[in-house]
């Protein structure tokens, strides 16, 4: 998805998230005017714990995966 489409999706009230492993295990979200990636949640003890939380977040109708 290009940046213009990303901005439209965010403006429509959706949140875009993704998993990341570096520099720490975390979940990131696209946000702001530039749709930059920022840390949404971090401090997970394992990738499995992060993945469980990620699946929980995706149950929300307004959260989509990148």
PDB file of N, CA and C in Angstrom:
ATOM      1  N   UNK A   1       0.859  -1.166   0.000  1.00  0.00           N
ATOM      2  CA  UNK A   1       0.000   0.000   0.000  1.00  0.00           C
ATOM      3  C   UNK A   1       0.909   1.235   0.000  1.00  0.00           C
ATOM      4  N   UNK A   2       0.614   2.188  -0.878  1.00  0.00           N
ATOM      5  CA  UNK A   2       1.430   3.404  -0.912  1.00  0.00           C
ATOM      6  C   UNK A   2       1.020   4.354   0.216  1.00  0.00           C
ATOM      7  N   UNK A   3       1.805   5.425   0.424  1.00  0.00           N
ATOM      8  CA  UNK A   3       1.592   6.326   1.552  1.00  0.00           C
ATOM      9  C   UNK A   3       0.249   7.049   1.463  1.00  0.00           C
ATOM     10  N   UNK A   4      -0.182   7.379   0.257  1.00  0.00           N
ATOM     11  CA  UNK A   4      -1.463   8.061   0.079  1.00  0.00           C
ATOM     12  C   UNK A   4      -2.611   7.159   0.542  1.00  0.00           C
ATOM     13  N   UNK A   5      -2.565   5.910   0.147  1.00  0.00           N
ATOM     14  CA  UNK A   5      -3.596   4.953   0.568  1.00  0.00           C
ATOM     15  C   UNK A   5      -3.536   4.704   2.065  1.00  0.00           C
ATOM     16  N   UNK A   6      -2.335   4.640   2.601  1.00  0.00           N
ATOM     17  CA  UNK A   6      -2.164   4.446   4.039  1.00  0.00           C
ATOM     18  C   UNK A   6      -2.805   5.587   4.811  1.00  0.00           C
ATOM     19  N   UNK A   7      -2.587   6.818   4.375  1.00  0.00           N
ATOM     20  CA  UNK A   7      -3.183   7.983   5.036  1.00  0.00           C
ATOM     21  C   UNK A   7      -4.708   7.920   4.991  1.00  0.00           C
ATOM     22  N   UNK A   8      -5.269   7.481   3.878  1.00  0.00           N
ATOM     23  CA  UNK A   8      -6.721   7.364   3.751  1.00  0.00           C
ATOM     24  C   UNK A   8      -7.281   6.338   4.733  1.00  0.00           C
ATOM     25  N   UNK A   9      -6.595   5.218   4.853  1.00  0.00           N
ATOM     26  CA  UNK A   9      -7.042   4.165   5.760  1.00  0.00           C
ATOM     27  C   UNK A   9      -7.002   4.663   7.205  1.00  0.00           C
ATOM     28  N   UNK A  10      -5.928   5.349   7.574  1.00  0.00           N
ATOM     29  CA  UNK A  10      -5.803   5.899   8.925  1.00  0.00           C
ATOM     30  C   UNK A  10      -6.866   6.969   9.164  1.00  0.00           C
ATOM     31  N   UNK A  11      -7.096   7.829   8.175  1.00  0.00           N
ATOM     32  CA  UNK A  11      -8.103   8.883   8.305  1.00  0.00           C
ATOM     33  C   UNK A  11      -9.511   8.300   8.460  1.00  0.00           C
ATOM     34  N   UNK A  12      -9.728   7.110   7.917  1.00  0.00           N
ATOM     35  CA  UNK A  12     -11.029   6.451   8.029  1.00  0.00           C
ATOM     36  C   UNK A  12     -11.224   5.806   9.402  1.00  0.00           C
ATOM     37  N   UNK A  13     -10.196   5.878  10.249  1.00  0.00           N
ATOM     38  CA  UNK A  13     -10.330   5.370  11.605  1.00  0.00           C
ATOM     39  C   UNK A  13      -9.696   4.019  11.858  1.00  0.00           C
ATOM     40  N   UNK A  14      -8.982   3.497  10.875  1.00  0.00           N
ATOM     41  CA  UNK A  14      -8.311   2.219  11.052  1.00  0.00           C
ATOM     42  C   UNK A  14      -6.920   2.418  11.640  1.00  0.00           C
ATOM     43  N   UNK A  15      -6.426   1.378  12.291  1.00  0.00           N
ATOM     44  CA  UNK A  15      -5.068   1.360  12.807  1.00  0.00           C
ATOM     45  C   UNK A  15      -4.322   0.244  12.098  1.00  0.00           C
ATOM     46  N   UNK A  16      -3.094   0.509  11.676  1.00  0.00           N
ATOM     47  CA  UNK A  16      -2.278  -0.473  10.964  1.00  0.00           C
ATOM     48  C   UNK A  16      -1.135  -0.885  11.885  1.00  0.00           C
ATOM     49  N   UNK A  17      -1.012  -2.202  12.123  1.00  0.00           N
ATOM     50  CA  UNK A  17       0.035  -2.684  13.015  1.00  0.00           C
ATOM     51  C   UNK A  17       0.885  -3.751  12.337  1.00  0.00           C
ATOM     52  N   UNK A  18       2.074  -3.963  12.894  1.00  0.00           N
ATOM     53  CA  UNK A  18       2.968  -5.031  12.431  1.00  0.00           C
ATOM     54  C   UNK A  18       3.867  -5.459  13.576  1.00  0.00           C
ATOM     55  N   UNK A  19       4.426  -6.648  13.450  1.00  0.00           N
ATOM     56  CA  UNK A  19       5.378  -7.168  14.429  1.00  0.00           C
ATOM     57  C   UNK A  19       6.787  -6.750  14.025  1.00  0.00           C
ATOM     58  N   UNK A  20       7.654  -6.614  15.027  1.00  0.00           N
ATOM     59  CA  UNK A  20       9.047  -6.266  14.778  1.00  0.00           C
ATOM     60  C   UNK A  20       9.914  -6.972  15.809  1.00  0.00           C
ATOM     61  N   UNK A  21      11.121  -7.356  15.411  1.00  0.00           N
ATOM     62  CA  UNK A  21      12.028  -8.071  16.298  1.00  0.00           C
ATOM     63  C   UNK A  21      13.284  -7.277  16.652  1.00  0.00           C
ATOM     64  N   UNK A  22      13.545  -6.198  15.934  1.00  0.00           N
ATOM     65  CA  UNK A  22      14.784  -5.455  16.149  1.00  0.00           C
ATOM     66  C   UNK A  22      14.490  -3.990  16.388  1.00  0.00           C
ATOM     67  N   UNK A  23      15.023  -3.346  17.358  1.00  0.00           N
ATOM     68  CA  UNK A  23      16.042  -3.808  18.308  1.00  0.00           C
ATOM     69  C   UNK A  23      15.474  -4.602  19.475  1.00  0.00           C
ATOM     70  N   UNK A  24      14.156  -4.681  19.575  1.00  0.00           N
ATOM     71  CA  UNK A  24      13.531  -5.486  20.630  1.00  0.00           C
ATOM     72  C   UNK A  24      12.254  -6.097  20.077  1.00  0.00           C
ATOM     73  N   UNK A  25      11.734  -7.063  20.789  1.00  0.00           N
ATOM     74  CA  UNK A  25      10.479  -7.702  20.383  1.00  0.00           C
ATOM     75  C   UNK A  25       9.355  -6.719  20.694  1.00  0.00           C
ATOM     76  N   UNK A  26       8.601  -6.311  19.665  1.00  0.00           N
ATOM     77  CA  UNK A  26       7.585  -5.282  19.863  1.00  0.00           C
ATOM     78  C   UNK A  26       6.513  -5.339  18.789  1.00  0.00           C
ATOM     79  N   UNK A  27       5.474  -4.538  18.990  1.00  0.00           N
ATOM     80  CA  UNK A  27       4.418  -4.337  18.008  1.00  0.00           C
ATOM     81  C   UNK A  27       4.451  -2.865  17.634  1.00  0.00           C
ATOM     82  N   UNK A  28       4.456  -2.580  16.340  1.00  0.00           N
ATOM     83  CA  UNK A  28       4.519  -1.200  15.862  1.00  0.00           C
ATOM     84  C   UNK A  28       3.210  -0.817  15.185  1.00  0.00           C
ATOM     85  N   UNK A  29       2.959   0.502  15.144  1.00  0.00           N
ATOM     86  CA  UNK A  29       1.742   1.037  14.537  1.00  0.00           C
ATOM     87  C   UNK A  29       2.111   2.205  13.626  1.00  0.00           C
ATOM     88  N   UNK A  30       1.404   2.306  12.500  1.00  0.00           N
ATOM     89  CA  UNK A  30       1.553   3.480  11.630  1.00  0.00           C
ATOM     90  C   UNK A  30       0.711   4.591  12.208  1.00  0.00           C
ATOM     91  N   UNK A  31       1.294   5.779  12.348  1.00  0.00           N
ATOM     92  CA  UNK A  31       0.556   6.874  12.955  1.00  0.00           C
ATOM     93  C   UNK A  31       1.095   8.219  12.476  1.00  0.00           C
ATOM     94  N   UNK A  32       0.312   9.263  12.701  1.00  0.00           N
ATOM     95  CA  UNK A  32       0.736  10.618  12.380  1.00  0.00           C
ATOM     96  C   UNK A  32       0.539  10.980  10.923  1.00  0.00           C
ATOM     97  N   UNK A  33       0.812  12.227  10.614  1.00  0.00           N
ATOM     98  CA  UNK A  33       0.659  12.751   9.254  1.00  0.00           C
ATOM     99  C   UNK A  33       1.550  12.015   8.255  1.00  0.00           C
ATOM    100  N   UNK A  34       2.746  11.638   8.690  1.00  0.00           N
ATOM    101  CA  UNK A  34       3.681  10.945   7.795  1.00  0.00           C
ATOM    102  C   UNK A  34       3.485   9.437   7.793  1.00  0.00           C
ATOM    103  N   UNK A  35       2.562   8.957   8.603  1.00  0.00           N
ATOM    104  CA  UNK A  35       2.286   7.516   8.728  1.00  0.00           C
ATOM    105  C   UNK A  35       3.559   6.756   9.079  1.00  0.00           C
ATOM    106  N   UNK A  36       4.341   7.317   9.991  1.00  0.00           N
ATOM    107  CA  UNK A  36       5.580   6.686  10.432  1.00  0.00           C
ATOM    108  C   UNK A  36       5.275   5.532  11.375  1.00  0.00           C
ATOM    109  N   UNK A  37       6.183   4.577  11.456  1.00  0.00           N
ATOM    110  CA  UNK A  37       6.044   3.452  12.370  1.00  0.00           C
ATOM    111  C   UNK A  37       6.536   3.871  13.744  1.00  0.00           C
ATOM    112  N   UNK A  38       5.711   3.670  14.749  1.00  0.00           N
ATOM    113  CA  UNK A  38       6.082   3.932  16.143  1.00  0.00           C
ATOM    114  C   UNK A  38       5.746   2.696  16.973  1.00  0.00           C
ATOM    115  N   UNK A  39       6.445   2.544  18.088  1.00  0.00           N
ATOM    116  CA  UNK A  39       6.208   1.401  18.951  1.00  0.00           C
ATOM    117  C   UNK A  39       4.861   1.544  19.649  1.00  0.00           C
ATOM    118  N   UNK A  40       4.025   0.555  19.490  1.00  0.00           N
ATOM    119  CA  UNK A  40       2.727   0.514  20.153  1.00  0.00           C
ATOM    120  C   UNK A  40       2.853  -0.199  21.497  1.00  0.00           C
ATOM    121  N   UNK A  41       3.481  -1.375  21.490  1.00  0.00           N
ATOM    122  CA  UNK A  41       3.704  -2.148  22.710  1.00  0.00           C
ATOM    123  C   UNK A  41       5.061  -2.826  22.625  1.00  0.00           C
ATOM    124  N   UNK A  42       5.754  -2.898  23.751  1.00  0.00           N
ATOM    125  CA  UNK A  42       7.053  -3.572  23.801  1.00  0.00           C
ATOM    126  C   UNK A  42       7.207  -4.242  25.159  1.00  0.00           C
ATOM    127  N   UNK A  43       8.380  -4.814  25.385  1.00  0.00           N
ATOM    128  CA  UNK A  43       8.654  -5.460  26.658  1.00  0.00           C
ATOM    129  C   UNK A  43       8.192  -6.897  26.736  1.00  0.00           C
ATOM    130  N   UNK A  44       7.961  -7.512  25.599  1.00  0.00           N
ATOM    131  CA  UNK A  44       7.527  -8.910  25.580  1.00  0.00           C
ATOM    132  C   UNK A  44       8.699  -9.822  25.938  1.00  0.00           C
ATOM    133  N   UNK A  45       8.412 -10.873  26.676  1.00  0.00           N
ATOM    134  CA  UNK A  45       9.446 -11.824  27.085  1.00  0.00           C
ATOM    135  C   UNK A  45       9.846 -12.769  25.952  1.00  0.00           C
ATOM    136  N   UNK A  46       8.942 -12.960  24.981  1.00  0.00           N
ATOM    137  CA  UNK A  46       9.222 -13.865  23.869  1.00  0.00           C
ATOM    138  C   UNK A  46       8.411 -13.446  22.648  1.00  0.00           C
ATOM    139  N   UNK A  47       8.813 -13.987  21.504  1.00  0.00           N
ATOM    140  CA  UNK A  47       8.058 -13.726  20.279  1.00  0.00           C
ATOM    141  C   UNK A  47       6.664 -14.348  20.364  1.00  0.00           C
ATOM    142  N   UNK A  48       6.566 -15.479  21.040  1.00  0.00           N
ATOM    143  CA  UNK A  48       5.266 -16.135  21.200  1.00  0.00           C
ATOM    144  C   UNK A  48       4.306 -15.251  21.995  1.00  0.00           C
ATOM    145  N   UNK A  49       4.810 -14.606  23.040  1.00  0.00           N
ATOM    146  CA  UNK A  49       3.975 -13.697  23.838  1.00  0.00           C
ATOM    147  C   UNK A  49       3.540 -12.510  22.992  1.00  0.00           C
ATOM    148  N   UNK A  50       4.450 -11.991  22.192  1.00  0.00           N
ATOM    149  CA  UNK A  50       4.117 -10.884  21.301  1.00  0.00           C
ATOM    150  C   UNK A  50       3.066 -11.310  20.280  1.00  0.00           C
ATOM    151  N   UNK A  51       3.235 -12.487  19.719  1.00  0.00           N
ATOM    152  CA  UNK A  51       2.303 -12.976  18.712  1.00  0.00           C
ATOM    153  C   UNK A  51       0.903 -13.197  19.287  1.00  0.00           C
ATOM    154  N   UNK A  52       0.828 -13.663  20.530  1.00  0.00           N
ATOM    155  CA  UNK A  52      -0.477 -13.829  21.182  1.00  0.00           C
ATOM    156  C   UNK A  52      -1.166 -12.469  21.342  1.00  0.00           C
ATOM    157  N   UNK A  53      -0.422 -11.474  21.783  1.00  0.00           N
ATOM    158  CA  UNK A  53      -0.971 -10.128  21.941  1.00  0.00           C
ATOM    159  C   UNK A  53      -1.375  -9.555  20.587  1.00  0.00           C
ATOM    160  N   UNK A  54      -0.584  -9.796  19.562  1.00  0.00           N
ATOM    161  CA  UNK A  54      -0.863  -9.321  18.211  1.00  0.00           C
ATOM    162  C   UNK A  54      -2.204  -9.876  17.728  1.00  0.00           C
ATOM    163  N   UNK A  55      -2.439 -11.152  17.955  1.00  0.00           N
ATOM    164  CA  UNK A  55      -3.709 -11.778  17.564  1.00  0.00           C
ATOM    165  C   UNK A  55      -4.877 -11.182  18.330  1.00  0.00           C
ATOM    166  N   UNK A  56      -4.660 -10.863  19.604  1.00  0.00           N
ATOM    167  CA  UNK A  56      -5.708 -10.206  20.387  1.00  0.00           C
ATOM    168  C   UNK A  56      -6.064  -8.852  19.789  1.00  0.00           C
ATOM    169  N   UNK A  57      -5.052  -8.076  19.421  1.00  0.00           N
ATOM    170  CA  UNK A  57      -5.285  -6.755  18.845  1.00  0.00           C
ATOM    171  C   UNK A  57      -6.062  -6.854  17.527  1.00  0.00           C
ATOM    172  N   UNK A  58      -5.771  -7.876  16.738  1.00  0.00           N
ATOM    173  CA  UNK A  58      -6.421  -8.032  15.433  1.00  0.00           C
ATOM    174  C   UNK A  58      -7.898  -8.402  15.541  1.00  0.00           C
ATOM    175  N   UNK A  59      -8.369  -8.758  16.714  1.00  0.00           N
ATOM    176  CA  UNK A  59      -9.797  -9.038  16.904  1.00  0.00           C
ATOM    177  C   UNK A  59     -10.629  -7.765  16.807  1.00  0.00           C
ATOM    178  N   UNK A  60     -10.005  -6.624  17.040  1.00  0.00           N
ATOM    179  CA  UNK A  60     -10.673  -5.327  16.906  1.00  0.00           C
ATOM    180  C   UNK A  60     -10.936  -5.067  15.417  1.00  0.00           C
ATOM    181  N   UNK A  61     -12.155  -4.715  15.060  1.00  0.00           N
ATOM    182  CA  UNK A  61     -12.543  -4.502  13.661  1.00  0.00           C
ATOM    183  C   UNK A  61     -11.817  -3.345  13.003  1.00  0.00           C
ATOM    184  N   UNK A  62     -11.267  -2.437  13.786  1.00  0.00           N
ATOM    185  CA  UNK A  62     -10.588  -1.255  13.252  1.00  0.00           C
ATOM    186  C   UNK A  62      -9.069  -1.396  13.195  1.00  0.00           C
ATOM    187  N   UNK A  63      -8.550  -2.573  13.547  1.00  0.00           N
ATOM    188  CA  UNK A  63      -7.106  -2.798  13.509  1.00  0.00           C
ATOM    189  C   UNK A  63      -6.819  -3.796  12.400  1.00  0.00           C
ATOM    190  N   UNK A  64      -5.875  -3.423  11.515  1.00  0.00           N
ATOM    191  CA  UNK A  64      -5.499  -4.289  10.405  1.00  0.00           C
ATOM    192  C   UNK A  64      -3.986  -4.516  10.432  1.00  0.00           C
ATOM    193  N   UNK A  65      -3.579  -5.605   9.816  1.00  0.00           N
ATOM    194  CA  UNK A  65      -2.163  -5.994   9.781  1.00  0.00           C
ATOM    195  C   UNK A  65      -1.513  -5.483   8.499  1.00  0.00           C
ATOM    196  N   UNK A  66      -0.289  -5.022   8.630  1.00  0.00           N
ATOM    197  CA  UNK A  66       0.482  -4.575   7.462  1.00  0.00           C
ATOM    198  C   UNK A  66       1.078  -5.770   6.766  1.00  0.00           C
TER     199      UNK A  66
END
